[in-house]
Amino acid sequence: MKKITSGIILSMLLSIIQTGAYAQKSLKTDTLTVLGNCGMCKERIEEAAYVKGVKSATWNKSSKILTVVYNNDKTDVDKVAKSIAAAGHDSHRHKAADIAYKKIPACCAYRTGTCDHD
């Protein structure tokens, strides 16, 4: 009986390990240049980047680079860029429509280069 129980437990552990390994293979990291000015922009960009399948999104204000980790079985960097454009921010993949850009606060007007806060 002990051998059967040990065999079942071992099989379950191997199954869990294999599932975890498969999940890791489908994760991908990409970067995307996204225009913005300040901490408010950072919050908006990172929030917009979280489409279904995104595991993490971090935008660097100085470099204007968004680093996104996502499950490439569920999404891709183009979908992330479209979501960010819909939130009013330009990227090298998609430009925000003027209507979306005008919805961001005036202090975040990155196209004009004016920002009165950090």
PDB file of N, CA and C in Angstrom:
ATOM      1  N   MET A   1       0.810  -1.187   0.000  1.00  0.00           N
ATOM      2  CA  MET A   1       0.000   0.000   0.000  1.00  0.00           C
ATOM      3  C   MET A   1       0.860   1.260   0.000  1.00  0.00           C
ATOM      4  N   LYS A   2       1.978   1.221   0.746  1.00  0.00           N
ATOM      5  CA  LYS A   2       2.863   2.368   0.799  1.00  0.00           C
ATOM      6  C   LYS A   2       3.458   2.667  -0.565  1.00  0.00           C
ATOM      7  N   LYS A   3       3.793   1.614  -1.336  1.00  0.00           N
ATOM      8  CA  LYS A   3       4.371   1.814  -2.662  1.00  0.00           C
ATOM      9  C   LYS A   3       3.362   2.463  -3.595  1.00  0.00           C
ATOM     10  N   ILE A   4       2.111   2.070  -3.497  1.00  0.00           N
ATOM     11  CA  ILE A   4       1.066   2.647  -4.347  1.00  0.00           C
ATOM     12  C   ILE A   4       0.874   4.115  -3.992  1.00  0.00           C
ATOM     13  N   THR A   5       0.800   4.438  -2.714  1.00  0.00           N
ATOM     14  CA  THR A   5       0.628   5.823  -2.264  1.00  0.00           C
ATOM     15  C   THR A   5       1.822   6.666  -2.672  1.00  0.00           C
ATOM     16  N   SER A   6       3.017   6.140  -2.529  1.00  0.00           N
ATOM     17  CA  SER A   6       4.225   6.863  -2.928  1.00  0.00           C
ATOM     18  C   SER A   6       4.220   7.112  -4.431  1.00  0.00           C
ATOM     19  N   GLY A   7       3.792   6.109  -5.189  1.00  0.00           N
ATOM     20  CA  GLY A   7       3.734   6.249  -6.643  1.00  0.00           C
ATOM     21  C   GLY A   7       2.737   7.307  -7.073  1.00  0.00           C
ATOM     22  N   ILE A   8       1.600   7.359  -6.405  1.00  0.00           N
ATOM     23  CA  ILE A   8       0.575   8.363  -6.718  1.00  0.00           C
ATOM     24  C   ILE A   8       1.090   9.760  -6.392  1.00  0.00           C
ATOM     25  N   ILE A   9       1.716   9.902  -5.250  1.00  0.00           N
ATOM     26  CA  ILE A   9       2.257  11.204  -4.850  1.00  0.00           C
ATOM     27  C   ILE A   9       3.352  11.646  -5.818  1.00  0.00           C
ATOM     28  N   LEU A  10       4.225  10.732  -6.195  1.00  0.00           N
ATOM     29  CA  LEU A  10       5.281  11.053  -7.138  1.00  0.00           C
ATOM     30  C   LEU A  10       4.698  11.475  -8.489  1.00  0.00           C
ATOM     31  N   SER A  11       3.688  10.779  -8.949  1.00  0.00           N
ATOM     32  CA  SER A  11       3.031  11.128 -10.215  1.00  0.00           C
ATOM     33  C   SER A  11       2.403  12.512 -10.147  1.00  0.00           C
ATOM     34  N   MET A  12       1.779  12.812  -9.018  1.00  0.00           N
ATOM     35  CA  MET A  12       1.156  14.128  -8.851  1.00  0.00           C
ATOM     36  C   MET A  12       2.208  15.232  -8.860  1.00  0.00           C
ATOM     37  N   LEU A  13       3.315  15.015  -8.176  1.00  0.00           N
ATOM     38  CA  LEU A  13       4.389  16.008  -8.140  1.00  0.00           C
ATOM     39  C   LEU A  13       4.971  16.249  -9.531  1.00  0.00           C
ATOM     40  N   LEU A  14       5.220  15.186 -10.270  1.00  0.00           N
ATOM     41  CA  LEU A  14       5.748  15.325 -11.624  1.00  0.00           C
ATOM     42  C   LEU A  14       4.769  16.080 -12.512  1.00  0.00           C
ATOM     43  N   SER A  15       3.503  15.820 -12.341  1.00  0.00           N
ATOM     44  CA  SER A  15       2.468  16.502 -13.108  1.00  0.00           C
ATOM     45  C   SER A  15       2.477  17.998 -12.815  1.00  0.00           C
ATOM     46  N   ILE A  16       2.601  18.360 -11.547  1.00  0.00           N
ATOM     47  CA  ILE A  16       2.644  19.769 -11.146  1.00  0.00           C
ATOM     48  C   ILE A  16       3.885  20.440 -11.711  1.00  0.00           C
ATOM     49  N   ILE A  17       5.021  19.785 -11.631  1.00  0.00           N
ATOM     50  CA  ILE A  17       6.271  20.339 -12.156  1.00  0.00           C
ATOM     51  C   ILE A  17       6.167  20.560 -13.662  1.00  0.00           C
ATOM     52  N   GLN A  18       5.628  19.612 -14.389  1.00  0.00           N
ATOM     53  CA  GLN A  18       5.484  19.751 -15.834  1.00  0.00           C
ATOM     54  C   GLN A  18       4.547  20.888 -16.188  1.00  0.00           C
ATOM     55  N   THR A  19       3.452  21.052 -15.457  1.00  0.00           N
ATOM     56  CA  THR A  19       2.513  22.143 -15.699  1.00  0.00           C
ATOM     57  C   THR A  19       3.200  23.478 -15.467  1.00  0.00           C
ATOM     58  N   GLY A  20       3.960  23.592 -14.397  1.00  0.00           N
ATOM     59  CA  GLY A  20       4.700  24.816 -14.100  1.00  0.00           C
ATOM     60  C   GLY A  20       5.709  25.135 -15.172  1.00  0.00           C
ATOM     61  N   ALA A  21       6.398  24.138 -15.686  1.00  0.00           N
ATOM     62  CA  ALA A  21       7.383  24.351 -16.738  1.00  0.00           C
ATOM     63  C   ALA A  21       6.707  24.830 -18.009  1.00  0.00           C
ATOM     64  N   TYR A  22       5.548  24.288 -18.326  1.00  0.00           N
ATOM     65  CA  TYR A  22       4.820  24.723 -19.521  1.00  0.00           C
ATOM     66  C   TYR A  22       4.396  26.176 -19.383  1.00  0.00           C
ATOM     67  N   ALA A  23       3.907  26.560 -18.203  1.00  0.00           N
ATOM     68  CA  ALA A  23       3.458  27.932 -17.987  1.00  0.00           C
ATOM     69  C   ALA A  23       4.618  28.904 -18.151  1.00  0.00           C
ATOM     70  N   GLN A  24       5.805  28.543 -17.689  1.00  0.00           N
ATOM     71  CA  GLN A  24       6.961  29.413 -17.817  1.00  0.00           C
ATOM     72  C   GLN A  24       7.368  29.606 -19.269  1.00  0.00           C
ATOM     73  N   LYS A  25       7.208  28.589 -20.102  1.00  0.00           N
ATOM     74  CA  LYS A  25       7.594  28.690 -21.508  1.00  0.00           C
ATOM     75  C   LYS A  25       6.729  29.684 -22.264  1.00  0.00           C
ATOM     76  N   SER A  26       5.486  29.895 -21.844  1.00  0.00           N
ATOM     77  CA  SER A  26       4.600  30.782 -22.573  1.00  0.00           C
ATOM     78  C   SER A  26       4.720  32.240 -22.127  1.00  0.00           C
ATOM     79  N   LEU A  27       5.545  32.540 -21.113  1.00  0.00           N
ATOM     80  CA  LEU A  27       5.757  33.915 -20.696  1.00  0.00           C
ATOM     81  C   LEU A  27       6.806  34.576 -21.577  1.00  0.00           C
ATOM     82  N   LYS A  28       6.527  35.809 -21.938  1.00  0.00           N
ATOM     83  CA  LYS A  28       7.436  36.558 -22.791  1.00  0.00           C
ATOM     84  C   LYS A  28       7.608  37.961 -22.212  1.00  0.00           C
ATOM     85  N   THR A  29       8.784  38.534 -22.386  1.00  0.00           N
ATOM     86  CA  THR A  29       9.057  39.903 -21.947  1.00  0.00           C
ATOM     87  C   THR A  29       9.383  40.745 -23.166  1.00  0.00           C
ATOM     88  N   ASP A  30       8.722  41.895 -23.272  1.00  0.00           N
ATOM     89  CA  ASP A  30       8.978  42.832 -24.363  1.00  0.00           C
ATOM     90  C   ASP A  30       9.075  44.236 -23.794  1.00  0.00           C
ATOM     91  N   THR A  31       9.662  45.121 -24.581  1.00  0.00           N
ATOM     92  CA  THR A  31       9.697  46.531 -24.217  1.00  0.00           C
ATOM     93  C   THR A  31       9.000  47.329 -25.303  1.00  0.00           C
ATOM     94  N   LEU A  32       8.521  48.484 -24.890  1.00  0.00           N
ATOM     95  CA  LEU A  32       7.741  49.334 -25.769  1.00  0.00           C
ATOM     96  C   LEU A  32       8.026  50.776 -25.361  1.00  0.00           C
ATOM     97  N   THR A  33       8.362  51.626 -26.324  1.00  0.00           N
ATOM     98  CA  THR A  33       8.550  53.037 -26.026  1.00  0.00           C
ATOM     99  C   THR A  33       7.171  53.688 -25.960  1.00  0.00           C
ATOM    100  N   VAL A  34       6.867  54.305 -24.817  1.00  0.00           N
ATOM    101  CA  VAL A  34       5.568  54.949 -24.603  1.00  0.00           C
ATOM    102  C   VAL A  34       5.820  56.368 -24.097  1.00  0.00           C
ATOM    103  N   LEU A  35       5.190  57.343 -24.742  1.00  0.00           N
ATOM    104  CA  LEU A  35       5.390  58.738 -24.363  1.00  0.00           C
ATOM    105  C   LEU A  35       4.505  59.123 -23.186  1.00  0.00           C
ATOM    106  N   GLY A  36       5.094  59.897 -22.279  1.00  0.00           N
ATOM    107  CA  GLY A  36       4.417  60.386 -21.094  1.00  0.00           C
ATOM    108  C   GLY A  36       5.358  61.308 -20.349  1.00  0.00           C
ATOM    109  N   ASN A  37       4.844  61.959 -19.302  1.00  0.00           N
ATOM    110  CA  ASN A  37       5.639  62.955 -18.585  1.00  0.00           C
ATOM    111  C   ASN A  37       5.945  62.635 -17.134  1.00  0.00           C
ATOM    112  N   CYS A  38       4.961  62.093 -16.428  1.00  0.00           N
ATOM    113  CA  CYS A  38       5.057  62.156 -14.971  1.00  0.00           C
ATOM    114  C   CYS A  38       4.516  60.899 -14.296  1.00  0.00           C
ATOM    115  N   GLY A  39       4.411  60.976 -12.989  1.00  0.00           N
ATOM    116  CA  GLY A  39       3.878  59.868 -12.204  1.00  0.00           C
ATOM    117  C   GLY A  39       2.429  59.547 -12.535  1.00  0.00           C
ATOM    118  N   MET A  40       1.641  60.571 -12.852  1.00  0.00           N
ATOM    119  CA  MET A  40       0.256  60.326 -13.261  1.00  0.00           C
ATOM    120  C   MET A  40       0.218  59.558 -14.575  1.00  0.00           C
ATOM    121  N   CYS A  41       1.100  59.915 -15.494  1.00  0.00           N
ATOM    122  CA  CYS A  41       1.205  59.189 -16.767  1.00  0.00           C
ATOM    123  C   CYS A  41       1.612  57.742 -16.499  1.00  0.00           C
ATOM    124  N   LYS A  42       2.583  57.565 -15.597  1.00  0.00           N
ATOM    125  CA  LYS A  42       3.060  56.219 -15.260  1.00  0.00           C
ATOM    126  C   LYS A  42       1.907  55.331 -14.805  1.00  0.00           C
ATOM    127  N   GLU A  43       1.082  55.848 -13.901  1.00  0.00           N
ATOM    128  CA  GLU A  43      -0.063  55.080 -13.413  1.00  0.00           C
ATOM    129  C   GLU A  43      -1.019  54.724 -14.553  1.00  0.00           C
ATOM    130  N   ARG A  44      -1.312  55.694 -15.410  1.00  0.00           N
ATOM    131  CA  ARG A  44      -2.249  55.477 -16.515  1.00  0.00           C
ATOM    132  C   ARG A  44      -1.703  54.470 -17.519  1.00  0.00           C
ATOM    133  N   ILE A  45      -0.437  54.587 -17.851  1.00  0.00           N
ATOM    134  CA  ILE A  45       0.202  53.687 -18.821  1.00  0.00           C
ATOM    135  C   ILE A  45       0.243  52.258 -18.278  1.00  0.00           C
ATOM    136  N   GLU A  46       0.705  52.113 -17.051  1.00  0.00           N
ATOM    137  CA  GLU A  46       0.800  50.774 -16.470  1.00  0.00           C
ATOM    138  C   GLU A  46      -0.572  50.129 -16.307  1.00  0.00           C
ATOM    139  N   GLU A  47      -1.568  50.910 -15.907  1.00  0.00           N
ATOM    140  CA  GLU A  47      -2.924  50.371 -15.770  1.00  0.00           C
ATOM    141  C   GLU A  47      -3.462  49.915 -17.127  1.00  0.00           C
ATOM    142  N   ALA A  48      -3.254  50.725 -18.151  1.00  0.00           N
ATOM    143  CA  ALA A  48      -3.737  50.386 -19.495  1.00  0.00           C
ATOM    144  C   ALA A  48      -3.019  49.168 -20.061  1.00  0.00           C
ATOM    145  N   ALA A  49      -1.796  48.949 -19.638  1.00  0.00           N
ATOM    146  CA  ALA A  49      -1.012  47.815 -20.142  1.00  0.00           C
ATOM    147  C   ALA A  49      -1.531  46.476 -19.650  1.00  0.00           C
ATOM    148  N   TYR A  50      -2.296  46.478 -18.564  1.00  0.00           N
ATOM    149  CA  TYR A  50      -2.782  45.223 -17.992  1.00  0.00           C
ATOM    150  C   TYR A  50      -4.003  44.688 -18.737  1.00  0.00           C
ATOM    151  N   VAL A  51      -3.779  44.258 -19.972  1.00  0.00           N
ATOM    152  CA  VAL A  51      -4.819  43.543 -20.707  1.00  0.00           C
ATOM    153  C   VAL A  51      -4.749  42.081 -20.266  1.00  0.00           C
ATOM    154  N   LYS A  52      -5.752  41.291 -20.620  1.00  0.00           N
ATOM    155  CA  LYS A  52      -5.789  39.885 -20.216  1.00  0.00           C
ATOM    156  C   LYS A  52      -4.513  39.177 -20.697  1.00  0.00           C
ATOM    157  N   GLY A  53      -3.820  38.536 -19.771  1.00  0.00           N
ATOM    158  CA  GLY A  53      -2.599  37.809 -20.081  1.00  0.00           C
ATOM    159  C   GLY A  53      -1.331  38.516 -19.630  1.00  0.00           C
ATOM    160  N   VAL A  54      -1.427  39.799 -19.271  1.00  0.00           N
ATOM    161  CA  VAL A  54      -0.247  40.543 -18.814  1.00  0.00           C
ATOM    162  C   VAL A  54       0.000  40.219 -17.350  1.00  0.00           C
ATOM    163  N   LYS A  55       1.232  39.864 -17.043  1.00  0.00           N
ATOM    164  CA  LYS A  55       1.616  39.508 -15.674  1.00  0.00           C
ATOM    165  C   LYS A  55       2.237  40.693 -14.938  1.00  0.00           C
ATOM    166  N   SER A  56       2.993  41.528 -15.647  1.00  0.00           N
ATOM    167  CA  SER A  56       3.555  42.732 -15.029  1.00  0.00           C
ATOM    168  C   SER A  56       3.825  43.768 -16.111  1.00  0.00           C
ATOM    169  N   ALA A  57       3.747  45.035 -15.693  1.00  0.00           N
ATOM    170  CA  ALA A  57       4.012  46.152 -16.600  1.00  0.00           C
ATOM    171  C   ALA A  57       4.629  47.276 -15.789  1.00  0.00           C
ATOM    172  N   THR A  58       5.817  47.718 -16.198  1.00  0.00           N
ATOM    173  CA  THR A  58       6.520  48.774 -15.496  1.00  0.00           C
ATOM    174  C   THR A  58       7.029  49.785 -16.506  1.00  0.00           C
ATOM    175  N   TRP A  59       6.598  51.057 -16.346  1.00  0.00           N
ATOM    176  CA  TRP A  59       7.028  52.134 -17.239  1.00  0.00           C
ATOM    177  C   TRP A  59       8.053  52.996 -16.536  1.00  0.00           C
ATOM    178  N   ASN A  60       9.176  53.263 -17.223  1.00  0.00           N
ATOM    179  CA  ASN A  60      10.234  54.105 -16.688  1.00  0.00           C
ATOM    180  C   ASN A  60      10.058  55.515 -17.243  1.00  0.00           C
ATOM    181  N   LYS A  61       9.817  56.465 -16.366  1.00  0.00           N
ATOM    182  CA  LYS A  61       9.545  57.847 -16.757  1.00  0.00           C
ATOM    183  C   LYS A  61      10.722  58.477 -17.504  1.00  0.00           C
ATOM    184  N   SER A  62      11.926  58.203 -17.085  1.00  0.00           N
ATOM    185  CA  SER A  62      13.107  58.809 -17.708  1.00  0.00           C
ATOM    186  C   SER A  62      13.380  58.270 -19.104  1.00  0.00           C
ATOM    187  N   SER A  63      13.330  56.955 -19.242  1.00  0.00           N
ATOM    188  CA  SER A  63      13.660  56.337 -20.536  1.00  0.00           C
ATOM    189  C   SER A  63      12.456  56.213 -21.460  1.00  0.00           C
ATOM    190  N   LYS A  64      11.248  56.354 -20.893  1.00  0.00           N
ATOM    191  CA  LYS A  64       9.980  56.199 -21.641  1.00  0.00           C
ATOM    192  C   LYS A  64       9.768  54.756 -22.103  1.00  0.00           C
ATOM    193  N   ILE A  65      10.420  53.816 -21.433  1.00  0.00           N
ATOM    194  CA  ILE A  65      10.336  52.402 -21.817  1.00  0.00           C
ATOM    195  C   ILE A  65       9.377  51.664 -20.870  1.00  0.00           C
ATOM    196  N   LEU A  66       8.432  50.957 -21.469  1.00  0.00           N
ATOM    197  CA  LEU A  66       7.540  50.077 -20.736  1.00  0.00           C
ATOM    198  C   LEU A  66       8.062  48.661 -20.899  1.00  0.00           C
ATOM    199  N   THR A  67       8.275  47.983 -19.795  1.00  0.00           N
ATOM    200  CA  THR A  67       8.661  46.578 -19.824  1.00  0.00           C
ATOM    201  C   THR A  67       7.436  45.781 -19.414  1.00  0.00           C
ATOM    202  N   VAL A  68       7.036  44.864 -20.277  1.00  0.00           N
ATOM    203  CA  VAL A  68       5.817  44.100 -20.033  1.00  0.00           C
ATOM    204  C   VAL A  68       6.112  42.610 -20.123  1.00  0.00           C
ATOM    205  N   VAL A  69       5.634  41.870 -19.133  1.00  0.00           N
ATOM    206  CA  VAL A  69       5.754  40.414 -19.095  1.00  0.00           C
ATOM    207  C   VAL A  69       4.340  39.876 -19.287  1.00  0.00           C
ATOM    208  N   TYR A  70       4.182  38.989 -20.265  1.00  0.00           N
ATOM    209  CA  TYR A  70       2.836  38.516 -20.586  1.00  0.00           C
ATOM    210  C   TYR A  70       2.862  37.073 -21.051  1.00  0.00           C
ATOM    211  N   ASN A  71       1.698  36.458 -20.997  1.00  0.00           N
ATOM    212  CA  ASN A  71       1.508  35.103 -21.490  1.00  0.00           C
ATOM    213  C   ASN A  71       1.229  35.227 -22.988  1.00  0.00           C
ATOM    214  N   ASN A  72       2.150  34.783 -23.816  1.00  0.00           N
ATOM    215  CA  ASN A  72       1.979  34.970 -25.261  1.00  0.00           C
ATOM    216  C   ASN A  72       0.944  34.029 -25.871  1.00  0.00           C
ATOM    217  N   ASP A  73       0.347  33.164 -25.064  1.00  0.00           N
ATOM    218  CA  ASP A  73      -0.793  32.374 -25.525  1.00  0.00           C
ATOM    219  C   ASP A  73      -2.089  33.181 -25.400  1.00  0.00           C
ATOM    220  N   LYS A  74      -2.066  34.249 -24.589  1.00  0.00           N
ATOM    221  CA  LYS A  74      -3.277  35.020 -24.318  1.00  0.00           C
ATOM    222  C   LYS A  74      -3.265  36.426 -24.913  1.00  0.00           C
ATOM    223  N   THR A  75      -2.087  36.999 -25.122  1.00  0.00           N
ATOM    224  CA  THR A  75      -2.006  38.362 -25.643  1.00  0.00           C
ATOM    225  C   THR A  75      -0.684  38.574 -26.351  1.00  0.00           C
ATOM    226  N   ASP A  76      -0.482  39.760 -26.873  1.00  0.00           N
ATOM    227  CA  ASP A  76       0.794  40.115 -27.501  1.00  0.00           C
ATOM    228  C   ASP A  76       1.063  41.597 -27.262  1.00  0.00           C
ATOM    229  N   VAL A  77       2.242  42.040 -27.601  1.00  0.00           N
ATOM    230  CA  VAL A  77       2.644  43.413 -27.318  1.00  0.00           C
ATOM    231  C   VAL A  77       1.819  44.409 -28.136  1.00  0.00           C
ATOM    232  N   ASP A  78       1.311  44.004 -29.283  1.00  0.00           N
ATOM    233  CA  ASP A  78       0.482  44.901 -30.084  1.00  0.00           C
ATOM    234  C   ASP A  78      -0.837  45.209 -29.370  1.00  0.00           C
ATOM    235  N   LYS A  79      -1.440  44.225 -28.732  1.00  0.00           N
ATOM    236  CA  LYS A  79      -2.678  44.449 -27.974  1.00  0.00           C
ATOM    237  C   LYS A  79      -2.415  45.386 -26.794  1.00  0.00           C
ATOM    238  N   VAL A  80      -1.266  45.230 -26.167  1.00  0.00           N
ATOM    239  CA  VAL A  80      -0.890  46.107 -25.062  1.00  0.00           C
ATOM    240  C   VAL A  80      -0.758  47.542 -25.577  1.00  0.00           C
ATOM    241  N   ALA A  81      -0.073  47.721 -26.701  1.00  0.00           N
ATOM    242  CA  ALA A  81       0.127  49.051 -27.282  1.00  0.00           C
ATOM    243  C   ALA A  81      -1.205  49.696 -27.677  1.00  0.00           C
ATOM    244  N   LYS A  82      -2.138  48.915 -28.196  1.00  0.00           N
ATOM    245  CA  LYS A  82      -3.460  49.447 -28.557  1.00  0.00           C
ATOM    246  C   LYS A  82      -4.211  49.918 -27.318  1.00  0.00           C
ATOM    247  N   SER A  83      -4.125  49.176 -26.238  1.00  0.00           N
ATOM    248  CA  SER A  83      -4.785  49.560 -25.003  1.00  0.00           C
ATOM    249  C   SER A  83      -4.196  50.852 -24.441  1.00  0.00           C
ATOM    250  N   ILE A  84      -2.895  50.980 -24.529  1.00  0.00           N
ATOM    251  CA  ILE A  84      -2.225  52.191 -24.046  1.00  0.00           C
ATOM    252  C   ILE A  84      -2.613  53.390 -24.912  1.00  0.00           C
ATOM    253  N   ALA A  85      -2.701  53.193 -26.218  1.00  0.00           N
ATOM    254  CA  ALA A  85      -3.133  54.266 -27.128  1.00  0.00           C
ATOM    255  C   ALA A  85      -4.569  54.687 -26.809  1.00  0.00           C
ATOM    256  N   ALA A  86      -5.421  53.726 -26.488  1.00  0.00           N
ATOM    257  CA  ALA A  86      -6.810  54.031 -26.127  1.00  0.00           C
ATOM    258  C   ALA A  86      -6.878  54.862 -24.838  1.00  0.00           C
ATOM    259  N   ALA A  87      -5.854  54.728 -23.982  1.00  0.00           N
ATOM    260  CA  ALA A  87      -5.785  55.500 -22.739  1.00  0.00           C
ATOM    261  C   ALA A  87      -5.171  56.881 -22.957  1.00  0.00           C
ATOM    262  N   GLY A  88      -4.727  57.162 -24.197  1.00  0.00           N
ATOM    263  CA  GLY A  88      -4.227  58.498 -24.519  1.00  0.00           C
ATOM    264  C   GLY A  88      -2.734  58.642 -24.677  1.00  0.00           C
ATOM    265  N   HIS A  89      -1.999  57.544 -24.714  1.00  0.00           N
ATOM    266  CA  HIS A  89      -0.539  57.636 -24.809  1.00  0.00           C
ATOM    267  C   HIS A  89      -0.011  57.007 -26.094  1.00  0.00           C
ATOM    268  N   ASP A  90       0.898  57.735 -26.750  1.00  0.00           N
ATOM    269  CA  ASP A  90       1.526  57.261 -27.978  1.00  0.00           C
ATOM    270  C   ASP A  90       2.627  56.263 -27.657  1.00  0.00           C
ATOM    271  N   SER A  91       2.784  55.295 -28.550  1.00  0.00           N
ATOM    272  CA  SER A  91       3.922  54.382 -28.479  1.00  0.00           C
ATOM    273  C   SER A  91       4.515  54.303 -29.880  1.00  0.00           C
ATOM    274  N   HIS A  92       5.620  53.599 -30.016  1.00  0.00           N
ATOM    275  CA  HIS A  92       6.190  53.453 -31.350  1.00  0.00           C
ATOM    276  C   HIS A  92       5.363  52.519 -32.218  1.00  0.00           C
ATOM    277  N   ARG A  93       4.391  51.829 -31.638  1.00  0.00           N
ATOM    278  CA  ARG A  93       3.516  50.932 -32.398  1.00  0.00           C
ATOM    279  C   ARG A  93       2.179  51.568 -32.761  1.00  0.00           C
ATOM    280  N   HIS A  94       1.617  52.349 -31.825  1.00  0.00           N
ATOM    281  CA  HIS A  94       0.294  52.954 -32.041  1.00  0.00           C
ATOM    282  C   HIS A  94       0.262  54.361 -31.472  1.00  0.00           C
ATOM    283  N   LYS A  95      -0.264  55.290 -32.271  1.00  0.00           N
ATOM    284  CA  LYS A  95      -0.460  56.662 -31.813  1.00  0.00           C
ATOM    285  C   LYS A  95      -1.873  56.777 -31.251  1.00  0.00           C
ATOM    286  N   ALA A  96      -1.989  57.464 -30.129  1.00  0.00           N
ATOM    287  CA  ALA A  96      -3.294  57.680 -29.518  1.00  0.00           C
ATOM    288  C   ALA A  96      -4.131  58.590 -30.411  1.00  0.00           C
ATOM    289  N   ALA A  97      -5.403  58.277 -30.536  1.00  0.00           N
ATOM    290  CA  ALA A  97      -6.322  59.153 -31.265  1.00  0.00           C
ATOM    291  C   ALA A  97      -6.398  60.479 -30.527  1.00  0.00           C
ATOM    292  N   ASP A  98      -6.606  61.560 -31.263  1.00  0.00           N
ATOM    293  CA  ASP A  98      -6.683  62.882 -30.640  1.00  0.00           C
ATOM    294  C   ASP A  98      -7.738  62.929 -29.543  1.00  0.00           C
ATOM    295  N   ILE A  99      -8.851  62.263 -29.752  1.00  0.00           N
ATOM    296  CA  ILE A  99      -9.934  62.230 -28.746  1.00  0.00           C
ATOM    297  C   ILE A  99      -9.429  61.615 -27.444  1.00  0.00           C
ATOM    298  N   ALA A 100      -8.669  60.522 -27.517  1.00  0.00           N
ATOM    299  CA  ALA A 100      -8.123  59.867 -26.319  1.00  0.00           C
ATOM    300  C   ALA A 100      -7.059  60.743 -25.674  1.00  0.00           C
ATOM    301  N   TYR A 101      -6.208  61.366 -26.493  1.00  0.00           N
ATOM    302  CA  TYR A 101      -5.144  62.233 -25.974  1.00  0.00           C
ATOM    303  C   TYR A 101      -5.730  63.415 -25.220  1.00  0.00           C
ATOM    304  N   LYS A 102      -6.798  63.986 -25.732  1.00  0.00           N
ATOM    305  CA  LYS A 102      -7.412  65.166 -25.099  1.00  0.00           C
ATOM    306  C   LYS A 102      -8.088  64.832 -23.774  1.00  0.00           C
ATOM    307  N   LYS A 103      -8.314  63.564 -23.497  1.00  0.00           N
ATOM    308  CA  LYS A 103      -8.935  63.157 -22.234  1.00  0.00           C
ATOM    309  C   LYS A 103      -7.945  63.107 -21.073  1.00  0.00           C
ATOM    310  N   ILE A 104      -6.649  63.021 -21.379  1.00  0.00           N
ATOM    311  CA  ILE A 104      -5.673  62.996 -20.288  1.00  0.00           C
ATOM    312  C   ILE A 104      -5.572  64.408 -19.700  1.00  0.00           C
ATOM    313  N   PRO A 105      -5.183  64.537 -18.442  1.00  0.00           N
ATOM    314  CA  PRO A 105      -5.080  65.867 -17.835  1.00  0.00           C
ATOM    315  C   PRO A 105      -4.123  66.773 -18.613  1.00  0.00           C
ATOM    316  N   ALA A 106      -4.417  68.057 -18.631  1.00  0.00           N
ATOM    317  CA  ALA A 106      -3.603  69.030 -19.371  1.00  0.00           C
ATOM    318  C   ALA A 106      -2.146  69.011 -18.913  1.00  0.00           C
ATOM    319  N   CYS A 107      -1.936  68.743 -17.623  1.00  0.00           N
ATOM    320  CA  CYS A 107      -0.561  68.718 -17.106  1.00  0.00           C
ATOM    321  C   CYS A 107       0.236  67.534 -17.661  1.00  0.00           C
ATOM    322  N   CYS A 108      -0.457  66.570 -18.245  1.00  0.00           N
ATOM    323  CA  CYS A 108       0.202  65.381 -18.797  1.00  0.00           C
ATOM    324  C   CYS A 108       0.363  65.469 -20.323  1.00  0.00           C
ATOM    325  N   ALA A 109       0.216  66.654 -20.875  1.00  0.00           N
ATOM    326  CA  ALA A 109       0.268  66.835 -22.328  1.00  0.00           C
ATOM    327  C   ALA A 109       1.701  66.626 -22.842  1.00  0.00           C
ATOM    328  N   TYR A 110       2.066  65.374 -23.024  1.00  0.00           N
ATOM    329  CA  TYR A 110       3.434  65.021 -23.411  1.00  0.00           C
ATOM    330  C   TYR A 110       3.769  65.473 -24.828  1.00  0.00           C
ATOM    331  N   ARG A 111       2.790  65.639 -25.690  1.00  0.00           N
ATOM    332  CA  ARG A 111       3.062  66.100 -27.062  1.00  0.00           C
ATOM    333  C   ARG A 111       3.541  67.546 -27.076  1.00  0.00           C
ATOM    334  N   THR A 112       3.120  68.327 -26.118  1.00  0.00           N
ATOM    335  CA  THR A 112       3.543  69.733 -26.061  1.00  0.00           C
ATOM    336  C   THR A 112       4.775  69.907 -25.195  1.00  0.00           C
ATOM    337  N   GLY A 113       5.086  68.903 -24.402  1.00  0.00           N
ATOM    338  CA  GLY A 113       6.276  68.979 -23.548  1.00  0.00           C
ATOM    339  C   GLY A 113       6.050  69.765 -22.271  1.00  0.00           C
ATOM    340  N   THR A 114       4.801  70.098 -21.958  1.00  0.00           N
ATOM    341  CA  THR A 114       4.526  70.851 -20.746  1.00  0.00           C
ATOM    342  C   THR A 114       4.027  69.915 -19.647  1.00  0.00           C
ATOM    343  N   CYS A 115       4.637  70.028 -18.521  1.00  0.00           N
ATOM    344  CA  CYS A 115       4.215  69.260 -17.352  1.00  0.00           C
ATOM    345  C   CYS A 115       4.647  70.058 -16.129  1.00  0.00           C
ATOM    346  N   ASP A 116       3.703  70.369 -15.260  1.00  0.00           N
ATOM    347  CA  ASP A 116       4.030  71.219 -14.107  1.00  0.00           C
ATOM    348  C   ASP A 116       4.257  70.420 -12.822  1.00  0.00           C
ATOM    349  N   HIS A 117       4.360  69.128 -12.935  1.00  0.00           N
ATOM    350  CA  HIS A 117       4.641  68.300 -11.746  1.00  0.00           C
ATOM    351  C   HIS A 117       5.466  67.091 -12.152  1.00  0.00           C
ATOM    352  N   ASP A 118       5.827  66.302 -11.149  1.00  0.00           N
ATOM    353  CA  ASP A 118       6.702  65.150 -11.402  1.00  0.00           C
ATOM    354  C   ASP A 118       5.964  63.864 -11.371  1.00  0.00           C
TER     355      ASP A 118
END
